[in-house]
C-alpha atoms as a PDB file:
ATOM      1  CA  MET A   1     119.421  41.717 -35.462  1.00  0.00           C
ATOM      2  CA  ALA A   2     123.355  42.006 -33.391  1.00  0.00           C
ATOM      3  CA  LEU A   3     124.768  44.947 -33.491  1.00  0.00           C
ATOM      4  CA  ILE A   4     128.632  43.635 -35.261  1.00  0.00           C
ATOM      5  CA  SER A   5     128.226  41.127 -37.510  1.00  0.00           C
ATOM      6  CA  THR A   6     130.402  37.841 -39.356  1.00  0.00           C
ATOM      7  CA  GLN A   7     129.994  39.060 -42.760  1.00  0.00           C
ATOM      8  CA  THR A   8     131.924  43.405 -42.049  1.00  0.00           C
ATOM      9  CA  LEU A   9     134.022  41.480 -39.197  1.00  0.00           C
ATOM     10  CA  THR A  10     136.150  38.237 -39.141  1.00  0.00           C
ATOM     11  CA  LEU A  11     139.835  38.341 -38.153  1.00  0.00           C
ATOM     12  CA  LYS A  12     141.841  34.934 -39.654  1.00  0.00           C
ATOM     13  CA  SER A  13     143.543  35.154 -37.022  1.00  0.00           C
ATOM     14  CA  PHE A  14     141.299  34.221 -33.902  1.00  0.00           C
ATOM     15  CA  PRO A  15     138.134  33.683 -33.600  1.00  0.00           C
ATOM     16  CA  THR A  16     135.554  36.491 -35.174  1.00  0.00           C
ATOM     17  CA  LEU A  17     133.821  38.957 -32.762  1.00  0.00           C
ATOM     18  CA  SER A  18     130.459  36.453 -32.855  1.00  0.00           C
ATOM     19  CA  HIS A  19     132.608  33.374 -31.449  1.00  0.00           C
ATOM     20  CA  PRO A  20     131.264  32.101 -28.251  1.00  0.00           C
ATOM     21  CA  SER A  21     133.712  33.304 -26.126  1.00  0.00           C
ATOM     22  CA  ILE A  22     132.553  36.521 -26.561  1.00  0.00           C
ATOM     23  CA  PHE A  23     128.858  36.344 -28.004  1.00  0.00           C
ATOM     24  CA  PRO A  24     127.703  33.231 -27.260  1.00  0.00           C
ATOM     25  CA  THR A  25     124.750  31.543 -28.601  1.00  0.00           C
ATOM     26  CA  PRO A  26     121.253  30.673 -26.699  1.00  0.00           C
ATOM     27  CA  GLN A  27     122.383  26.865 -27.557  1.00  0.00           C
ATOM     28  CA  SER A  28     125.727  26.679 -25.750  1.00  0.00           C
ATOM     29  CA  LEU A  29     124.568  27.901 -22.436  1.00  0.00           C
ATOM     30  CA  SER A  30     123.305  26.129 -19.469  1.00  0.00           C
ATOM     31  CA  LEU A  31     119.748  26.982 -18.886  1.00  0.00           C
ATOM     32  CA  SER A  32     120.437  25.669 -15.489  1.00  0.00           C
ATOM     33  CA  PRO A  33     124.140  27.773 -14.401  1.00  0.00           C
ATOM     34  CA  PRO A  34     125.572  26.485 -10.775  1.00  0.00           C
ATOM     35  CA  ASN A  35     125.440  28.563  -7.533  1.00  0.00           C
ATOM     36  CA  HIS A  36     122.619  29.792  -8.255  1.00  0.00           C
ATOM     37  CA  HIS A  37     122.751  32.337 -10.691  1.00  0.00           C
ATOM     38  CA  SER A  38     119.382  31.631 -13.266  1.00  0.00           C
ATOM     39  CA  LEU A  39     120.902  32.898 -16.471  1.00  0.00           C
ATOM     40  CA  SER A  40     119.751  36.323 -18.236  1.00  0.00           C
ATOM     41  CA  LEU A  41     117.715  36.821 -20.548  1.00  0.00           C
ATOM     42  CA  SER A  42     117.813  40.839 -20.891  1.00  0.00           C
ATOM     43  CA  THR A  43     117.278  43.393 -23.251  1.00  0.00           C
ATOM     44  CA  PRO A  44     119.342  45.426 -24.542  1.00  0.00           C
ATOM     45  CA  ASN A  45     118.344  47.908 -21.943  1.00  0.00           C
ATOM     46  CA  SER A  46     118.798  45.474 -18.266  1.00  0.00           C
ATOM     47  CA  THR A  47     119.877  45.806 -14.901  1.00  0.00           C
ATOM     48  CA  PRO A  48     123.052  44.343 -13.694  1.00  0.00           C
ATOM     49  CA  ARG A  49     122.538  40.686 -12.265  1.00  0.00           C
ATOM     50  CA  PHE A  50     122.837  41.026  -8.523  1.00  0.00           C
ATOM     51  CA  SER A  51     122.842  38.844  -5.269  1.00  0.00           C
ATOM     52  CA  ALA A  52     121.979  39.478  -2.058  1.00  0.00           C
ATOM     53  CA  ARG A  53     124.069  42.233  -1.873  1.00  0.00           C
ATOM     54  CA  ARG A  54     122.239  43.886  -4.676  1.00  0.00           C
ATOM     55  CA  HIS A  55     122.355  47.032  -1.514  1.00  0.00           C
ATOM     56  CA  VAL A  56     125.514  47.853  -1.989  1.00  0.00           C
ATOM     57  CA  VAL A  57     125.431  49.807  -5.116  1.00  0.00           C
ATOM     58  CA  SER A  58     122.700  52.292  -4.962  1.00  0.00           C
ATOM     59  CA  ARG A  59     122.219  52.851  -8.577  1.00  0.00           C
ATOM     60  CA  ALA A  60     121.341  49.887 -11.878  1.00  0.00           C
ATOM     61  CA  THR A  61     123.428  52.202 -13.870  1.00  0.00           C
ATOM     62  CA  ALA A  62     126.005  53.368 -10.543  1.00  0.00           C
ATOM     63  CA  THR A  63     129.267  54.638 -13.607  1.00  0.00           C
ATOM     64  CA  SER A  64     130.995  56.690 -10.724  1.00  0.00           C
ATOM     65  CA  ALA A  65     132.076  55.771  -6.811  1.00  0.00           C
ATOM     66  CA  SER A  66     129.279  58.603  -5.704  1.00  0.00           C
ATOM     67  CA  ASP A  67     126.776  56.538  -7.019  1.00  0.00           C
ATOM     68  CA  PHE A  68     127.870  52.933  -3.935  1.00  0.00           C
ATOM     69  CA  SER A  69     127.886  52.914  -0.909  1.00  0.00           C
ATOM     70  CA  PRO A  70     130.614  53.763   1.234  1.00  0.00           C
ATOM     71  CA  ASP A  71     131.465  50.848   2.663  1.00  0.00           C
ATOM     72  CA  ILE A  72     131.889  49.230  -0.335  1.00  0.00           C
ATOM     73  CA  GLY A  73     135.193  48.838   0.389  1.00  0.00           C
ATOM     74  CA  GLU A  74     135.088  47.130   3.624  1.00  0.00           C
ATOM     75  CA  ILE A  75     132.248  44.747   2.030  1.00  0.00           C
ATOM     76  CA  LEU A  76     134.221  44.281  -1.754  1.00  0.00           C
ATOM     77  CA  GLY A  77     137.138  42.981   1.282  1.00  0.00           C
ATOM     78  CA  ASP A  78     135.518  40.391   2.625  1.00  0.00           C
ATOM     79  CA  VAL A  79     134.992  38.834  -1.047  1.00  0.00           C
ATOM     80  CA  SER A  80     136.912  35.529  -1.799  1.00  0.00           C
ATOM     81  CA  ILE A  81     138.552  34.754  -4.656  1.00  0.00           C
ATOM     82  CA  TYR A  82     141.362  32.858  -5.634  1.00  0.00           C
ATOM     83  CA  THR A  83     145.250  33.041  -7.048  1.00  0.00           C
ATOM     84  CA  ALA A  84     146.435  32.117 -10.599  1.00  0.00           C
ATOM     85  CA  ALA A  85     147.860  29.189  -8.304  1.00  0.00           C
ATOM     86  CA  GLY A  86     144.696  28.197  -6.783  1.00  0.00           C
ATOM     87  CA  ASP A  87     145.004  29.891  -3.184  1.00  0.00           C
ATOM     88  CA  SER A  88     141.554  31.442  -2.175  1.00  0.00           C
ATOM     89  CA  VAL A  89     142.620  35.269  -0.993  1.00  0.00           C
ATOM     90  CA  GLN A  90     140.183  37.942   0.056  1.00  0.00           C
ATOM     91  CA  PHE A  91     139.676  41.450  -1.247  1.00  0.00           C
ATOM     92  CA  LYS A  92     141.314  42.902   1.881  1.00  0.00           C
ATOM     93  CA  ASP A  93     144.388  40.761   2.140  1.00  0.00           C
ATOM     94  CA  LEU A  94     145.588  42.672  -1.942  1.00  0.00           C
ATOM     95  CA  TRP A  95     146.518  45.882  -0.829  1.00  0.00           C
ATOM     96  CA  ASP A  96     147.301  48.252   2.415  1.00  0.00           C
ATOM     97  CA  GLN A  97     143.810  49.156   3.701  1.00  0.00           C
ATOM     98  CA  ASN A  98     144.289  51.683   5.955  1.00  0.00           C
ATOM     99  CA  GLU A  99     146.567  54.398   2.846  1.00  0.00           C
ATOM    100  CA  GLY A 100     147.019  51.586  -0.517  1.00  0.00           C
ATOM    101  CA  VAL A 101     146.576  52.793  -4.102  1.00  0.00           C
ATOM    102  CA  ALA A 102     144.858  49.317  -5.696  1.00  0.00           C
ATOM    103  CA  VAL A 103     143.413  49.351  -9.810  1.00  0.00           C
ATOM    104  CA  VAL A 104     140.825  46.510  -9.344  1.00  0.00           C
ATOM    105  CA  ALA A 105     140.628  45.127 -12.762  1.00  0.00           C
ATOM    106  CA  LEU A 106     137.281  42.913 -14.419  1.00  0.00           C
ATOM    107  CA  LEU A 107     137.102  41.317 -16.900  1.00  0.00           C
ATOM    108  CA  ARG A 108     134.277  39.758 -19.071  1.00  0.00           C
ATOM    109  CA  HIS A 109     136.636  36.253 -18.539  1.00  0.00           C
ATOM    110  CA  PHE A 110     139.719  34.656 -19.416  1.00  0.00           C
ATOM    111  CA  GLY A 111     138.612  33.063 -22.151  1.00  0.00           C
ATOM    112  CA  CYS A 112     137.622  36.391 -24.216  1.00  0.00           C
ATOM    113  CA  PRO A 113     139.501  37.315 -26.810  1.00  0.00           C
ATOM    114  CA  CYS A 114     138.467  41.781 -25.854  1.00  0.00           C
ATOM    115  CA  CYS A 115     139.698  40.600 -22.234  1.00  0.00           C
ATOM    116  CA  TRP A 116     142.930  39.561 -23.865  1.00  0.00           C
ATOM    117  CA  GLU A 117     143.808  42.488 -25.497  1.00  0.00           C
ATOM    118  CA  LEU A 118     142.606  44.855 -21.801  1.00  0.00           C
ATOM    119  CA  ALA A 119     144.833  42.391 -20.142  1.00  0.00           C
ATOM    120  CA  SER A 120     147.145  43.312 -22.750  1.00  0.00           C
ATOM    121  CA  ALA A 121     146.667  46.892 -22.058  1.00  0.00           C
ATOM    122  CA  LEU A 122     147.967  46.257 -18.232  1.00  0.00           C
ATOM    123  CA  LYS A 123     150.657  43.838 -18.323  1.00  0.00           C
ATOM    124  CA  GLU A 124     152.047  46.883 -20.351  1.00  0.00           C
ATOM    125  CA  SER A 125     150.857  50.256 -17.901  1.00  0.00           C
ATOM    126  CA  LYS A 126     151.715  48.349 -14.892  1.00  0.00           C
ATOM    127  CA  GLU A 127     155.495  49.679 -14.578  1.00  0.00           C
ATOM    128  CA  LYS A 128     153.622  52.682 -14.569  1.00  0.00           C
ATOM    129  CA  PHE A 129     151.533  51.334 -12.091  1.00  0.00           C
ATOM    130  CA  ASP A 130     154.301  49.705 -10.172  1.00  0.00           C
ATOM    131  CA  SER A 131     156.111  53.491 -10.271  1.00  0.00           C
ATOM    132  CA  ALA A 132     153.213  55.509  -8.452  1.00  0.00           C
ATOM    133  CA  GLY A 133     152.995  52.232  -5.775  1.00  0.00           C
ATOM    134  CA  VAL A 134     149.749  51.153  -6.778  1.00  0.00           C
ATOM    135  CA  LYS A 135     148.868  47.453  -6.109  1.00  0.00           C
ATOM    136  CA  LEU A 136     147.274  46.399 -10.041  1.00  0.00           C
ATOM    137  CA  ILE A 137     144.609  43.410  -9.918  1.00  0.00           C
ATOM    138  CA  ALA A 138     143.143  41.927 -12.486  1.00  0.00           C
ATOM    139  CA  VAL A 139     140.268  39.482 -11.600  1.00  0.00           C
ATOM    140  CA  GLY A 140     138.510  37.179 -14.307  1.00  0.00           C
ATOM    141  CA  VAL A 141     135.249  35.068 -14.142  1.00  0.00           C
ATOM    142  CA  GLY A 142     136.736  30.690 -14.356  1.00  0.00           C
ATOM    143  CA  SER A 143     138.438  29.150 -12.700  1.00  0.00           C
ATOM    144  CA  PRO A 144     142.877  29.497 -11.971  1.00  0.00           C
ATOM    145  CA  ASP A 145     143.640  27.194 -14.074  1.00  0.00           C
ATOM    146  CA  LYS A 146     141.602  28.957 -16.723  1.00  0.00           C
ATOM    147  CA  ALA A 147     143.497  32.180 -15.793  1.00  0.00           C
ATOM    148  CA  ARG A 148     147.340  30.714 -15.614  1.00  0.00           C
ATOM    149  CA  ILE A 149     145.832  29.631 -19.714  1.00  0.00           C
ATOM    150  CA  LEU A 150     145.542  33.362 -19.582  1.00  0.00           C
ATOM    151  CA  ALA A 151     148.593  34.535 -18.371  1.00  0.00           C
ATOM    152  CA  GLU A 152     151.228  31.777 -20.009  1.00  0.00           C
ATOM    153  CA  ARG A 153     149.895  32.534 -23.327  1.00  0.00           C
ATOM    154  CA  LEU A 154     149.092  36.141 -22.846  1.00  0.00           C
ATOM    155  CA  PRO A 155     152.063  36.655 -21.241  1.00  0.00           C
ATOM    156  CA  PHE A 156     150.236  38.462 -17.773  1.00  0.00           C
ATOM    157  CA  PRO A 157     152.173  38.075 -14.726  1.00  0.00           C
ATOM    158  CA  MET A 158     150.355  35.850 -12.820  1.00  0.00           C
ATOM    159  CA  ASP A 159     151.329  37.256  -9.345  1.00  0.00           C
ATOM    160  CA  SER A 160     148.257  40.522 -10.730  1.00  0.00           C
ATOM    161  CA  LEU A 161     145.804  37.210 -11.979  1.00  0.00           C
ATOM    162  CA  TYR A 162     143.199  36.906 -10.079  1.00  0.00           C
ATOM    163  CA  ALA A 163     140.431  34.339 -10.454  1.00  0.00           C
ATOM    164  CA  ASP A 164     136.332  35.278  -9.631  1.00  0.00           C
ATOM    165  CA  THR A 165     134.517  31.649  -9.817  1.00  0.00           C
ATOM    166  CA  ASP A 166     131.813  32.433  -9.237  1.00  0.00           C
ATOM    167  CA  ARG A 167     131.420  36.077 -10.288  1.00  0.00           C
ATOM    168  CA  LYS A 168     130.776  37.615  -6.610  1.00  0.00           C
ATOM    169  CA  ALA A 169     132.895  40.579  -7.268  1.00  0.00           C
ATOM    170  CA  TYR A 170     130.390  40.731  -9.922  1.00  0.00           C
ATOM    171  CA  ASP A 171     127.729  41.127  -8.080  1.00  0.00           C
ATOM    172  CA  VAL A 172     128.655  43.249  -4.642  1.00  0.00           C
ATOM    173  CA  LEU A 173     129.121  45.608  -7.859  1.00  0.00           C
ATOM    174  CA  GLY A 174     126.984  45.325  -9.545  1.00  0.00           C
ATOM    175  CA  LEU A 175     128.870  44.554 -12.316  1.00  0.00           C
ATOM    176  CA  TYR A 176     126.411  43.699 -15.861  1.00  0.00           C
ATOM    177  CA  TYR A 177     125.161  40.516 -17.348  1.00  0.00           C
ATOM    178  CA  GLY A 178     122.746  39.132 -19.877  1.00  0.00           C
ATOM    179  CA  LEU A 179     121.849  38.902 -23.382  1.00  0.00           C
ATOM    180  CA  GLY A 180     122.073  42.539 -23.752  1.00  0.00           C
ATOM    181  CA  ARG A 181     124.480  43.914 -22.841  1.00  0.00           C
ATOM    182  CA  THR A 182     126.757  40.504 -24.490  1.00  0.00           C
ATOM    183  CA  PHE A 183     125.138  41.607 -28.224  1.00  0.00           C
ATOM    184  CA  PHE A 184     123.323  44.223 -28.484  1.00  0.00           C
ATOM    185  CA  ASN A 185     124.554  46.676 -26.668  1.00  0.00           C
ATOM    186  CA  PRO A 186     126.488  50.087 -29.207  1.00  0.00           C
ATOM    187  CA  ALA A 187     128.762  50.591 -26.548  1.00  0.00           C
ATOM    188  CA  SER A 188     130.746  47.166 -27.848  1.00  0.00           C
ATOM    189  CA  ALA A 189     131.609  49.086 -31.130  1.00  0.00           C
ATOM    190  CA  LYS A 190     134.254  50.428 -29.276  1.00  0.00           C
ATOM    191  CA  VAL A 191     136.272  47.359 -29.589  1.00  0.00           C
ATOM    192  CA  LEU A 192     136.444  48.704 -33.855  1.00  0.00           C
ATOM    193  CA  SER A 193     139.391  51.674 -32.726  1.00  0.00           C
ATOM    194  CA  ARG A 194     141.339  48.622 -31.349  1.00  0.00           C
ATOM    195  CA  PHE A 195     141.238  46.506 -33.951  1.00  0.00           C
ATOM    196  CA  ASP A 196     144.950  46.039 -33.725  1.00  0.00           C
ATOM    197  CA  ALA A 197     145.293  46.495 -30.749  1.00  0.00           C
ATOM    198  CA  LEU A 198     142.561  43.386 -30.055  1.00  0.00           C
ATOM    199  CA  LYS A 199     144.371  40.657 -32.818  1.00  0.00           C
ATOM    200  CA  LYS A 200     147.744  41.406 -31.228  1.00  0.00           C
ATOM    201  CA  ALA A 201     147.000  40.434 -28.387  1.00  0.00           C
ATOM    202  CA  VAL A 202     144.907  37.359 -28.864  1.00  0.00           C
ATOM    203  CA  LYS A 203     148.284  35.040 -31.242  1.00  0.00           C
ATOM    204  CA  ASN A 204     148.060  33.179 -28.127  1.00  0.00           C
ATOM    205  CA  TYR A 205     144.404  32.820 -27.437  1.00  0.00           C
ATOM    206  CA  THR A 206     142.659  29.573 -27.415  1.00  0.00           C
ATOM    207  CA  ILE A 207     139.346  29.066 -26.555  1.00  0.00           C
ATOM    208  CA  GLU A 208     140.403  26.632 -23.676  1.00  0.00           C
ATOM    209  CA  ALA A 209     140.199  29.314 -21.043  1.00  0.00           C
ATOM    210  CA  THR A 210     137.086  30.598 -22.069  1.00  0.00           C
ATOM    211  CA  PRO A 211     135.195  28.978 -18.307  1.00  0.00           C
ATOM    212  CA  ASP A 212     132.881  24.843 -18.319  1.00  0.00           C
ATOM    213  CA  ASP A 213     129.963  27.211 -16.293  1.00  0.00           C
ATOM    214  CA  ARG A 214     129.308  28.736 -20.928  1.00  0.00           C
ATOM    215  CA  SER A 215     126.306  31.059 -18.769  1.00  0.00           C
ATOM    216  CA  SER A 216     129.526  32.639 -17.477  1.00  0.00           C
ATOM    217  CA  VAL A 217     130.298  34.329 -20.633  1.00  0.00           C
ATOM    218  CA  LEU A 218     127.506  36.524 -21.038  1.00  0.00           C
ATOM    219  CA  GLN A 219     128.648  38.637 -17.352  1.00  0.00           C
ATOM    220  CA  GLN A 220     130.260  42.184 -18.498  1.00  0.00           C
ATOM    221  CA  GLY A 221     133.642  44.021 -16.444  1.00  0.00           C
ATOM    222  CA  GLY A 222     134.697  47.015 -15.075  1.00  0.00           C
ATOM    223  CA  MET A 223     137.310  49.460 -13.787  1.00  0.00           C
ATOM    224  CA  PHE A 224     137.802  50.642  -9.776  1.00  0.00           C
ATOM    225  CA  VAL A 225     139.712  52.317  -7.745  1.00  0.00           C
ATOM    226  CA  PHE A 226     140.107  52.183  -5.050  1.00  0.00           C
ATOM    227  CA  LYS A 227     142.091  54.073  -2.182  1.00  0.00           C
ATOM    228  CA  GLY A 228     142.307  52.078   0.994  1.00  0.00           C
ATOM    229  CA  LYS A 229     138.906  50.938   1.612  1.00  0.00           C
ATOM    230  CA  GLN A 230     137.718  54.339  -0.020  1.00  0.00           C
ATOM    231  CA  LEU A 231     136.051  53.579  -4.141  1.00  0.00           C
ATOM    232  CA  LEU A 232     137.690  56.992  -5.714  1.00  0.00           C
ATOM    233  CA  TYR A 233     136.967  55.496  -9.356  1.00  0.00           C
ATOM    234  CA  ALA A 234     134.103  53.022 -10.300  1.00  0.00           C
ATOM    235  CA  ARG A 235     133.524  52.576 -14.325  1.00  0.00           C
ATOM    236  CA  LYS A 236     130.860  49.604 -14.904  1.00  0.00           C
ATOM    237  CA  ASP A 237     131.090  48.197 -18.897  1.00  0.00           C
ATOM    238  CA  GLU A 238     128.132  48.956 -20.536  1.00  0.00           C
ATOM    239  CA  GLY A 239     128.820  45.187 -23.069  1.00  0.00           C
ATOM    240  CA  THR A 240     131.818  43.287 -24.108  1.00  0.00           C
ATOM    241  CA  GLY A 241     135.363  44.988 -24.819  1.00  0.00           C
ATOM    242  CA  ASP A 242     133.921  48.812 -23.794  1.00  0.00           C
ATOM    243  CA  HIS A 243     137.004  48.965 -20.728  1.00  0.00           C
ATOM    244  CA  ALA A 244     137.738  52.571 -18.873  1.00  0.00           C
ATOM    245  CA  PRO A 245     140.471  54.203 -20.405  1.00  0.00           C
ATOM    246  CA  LEU A 246     144.167  53.457 -19.203  1.00  0.00           C
ATOM    247  CA  ASP A 247     144.755  57.259 -19.286  1.00  0.00           C
ATOM    248  CA  ASP A 248     141.705  57.930 -16.450  1.00  0.00           C
ATOM    249  CA  ILE A 249     142.786  55.696 -14.897  1.00  0.00           C
ATOM    250  CA  LEU A 250     146.462  56.607 -14.220  1.00  0.00           C
ATOM    251  CA  ASN A 251     145.611  60.479 -14.271  1.00  0.00           C
ATOM    252  CA  VAL A 252     143.003  58.885 -11.067  1.00  0.00           C
ATOM    253  CA  CYS A 253     146.297  57.763  -9.690  1.00  0.00           C
ATOM    254  CA  CYS A 254     148.885  59.914 -10.170  1.00  0.00           C
ATOM    255  CA  LYS A 255     147.121  62.368  -8.213  1.00  0.00           C
ATOM    256  CA  VAL A 256     146.190  60.259  -5.180  1.00  0.00           C
ATOM    257  CA  PRO A 257     149.104  61.043  -2.520  1.00  0.00           C
ATOM    258  CA  VAL A 258     151.169  57.245  -2.064  1.00  0.00           C
ATOM    259  CA  SER A 259     151.854  56.935   1.704  1.00  0.00           C
END
């Protein structure tokens, strides 16, 4: 039984929480996704989907910086993603790798309404991050053109938005993936407490922002804070809509001396 049924929660102004872009049906997924990612028919207690770099996270349930390899910043730095404009860039080029402080927010995918709500909250907090000398980096699963849809319709600053077409950063950081996390995790109920913010964020929502590779909608996100290559804060989303409290992120950033 799904955690949230369409009988108990229906939004007239945007898709219900049973919409394929948030909770896809097995029929809507490709069982042979590209780039050698296998579709995980996982249970609610499933572990993250890892690539060959699975060694960078010491435990499948890592939710703090101490659970990650000390060189996670350097490993992530070599991962290539795309700007919303379509240019290839490596993580290490996005902020000062010696003393720079960066918040790296990994969204599920650009067609997830809950991620539009998170992106909206990040945008509203961007002035605070800027004042603290912190670089805000929002990454979503999908192609640059999908990122531009979110950036234009939400709207969201394009210079802070990036696309990870192959989920490479998600693999490196060991973020959760699978039907169990998407459909059944109790943590997803947290989105109900942000109902009004969610409704506001998806005013101009369109399903066209969903990745062409529908298996990507099973990806979960996470939030990370780095100073240079040092990981200061790490939190993996347990389920859809289980986002890190931004007050916690701001508190972490404010305690870090910025050169």
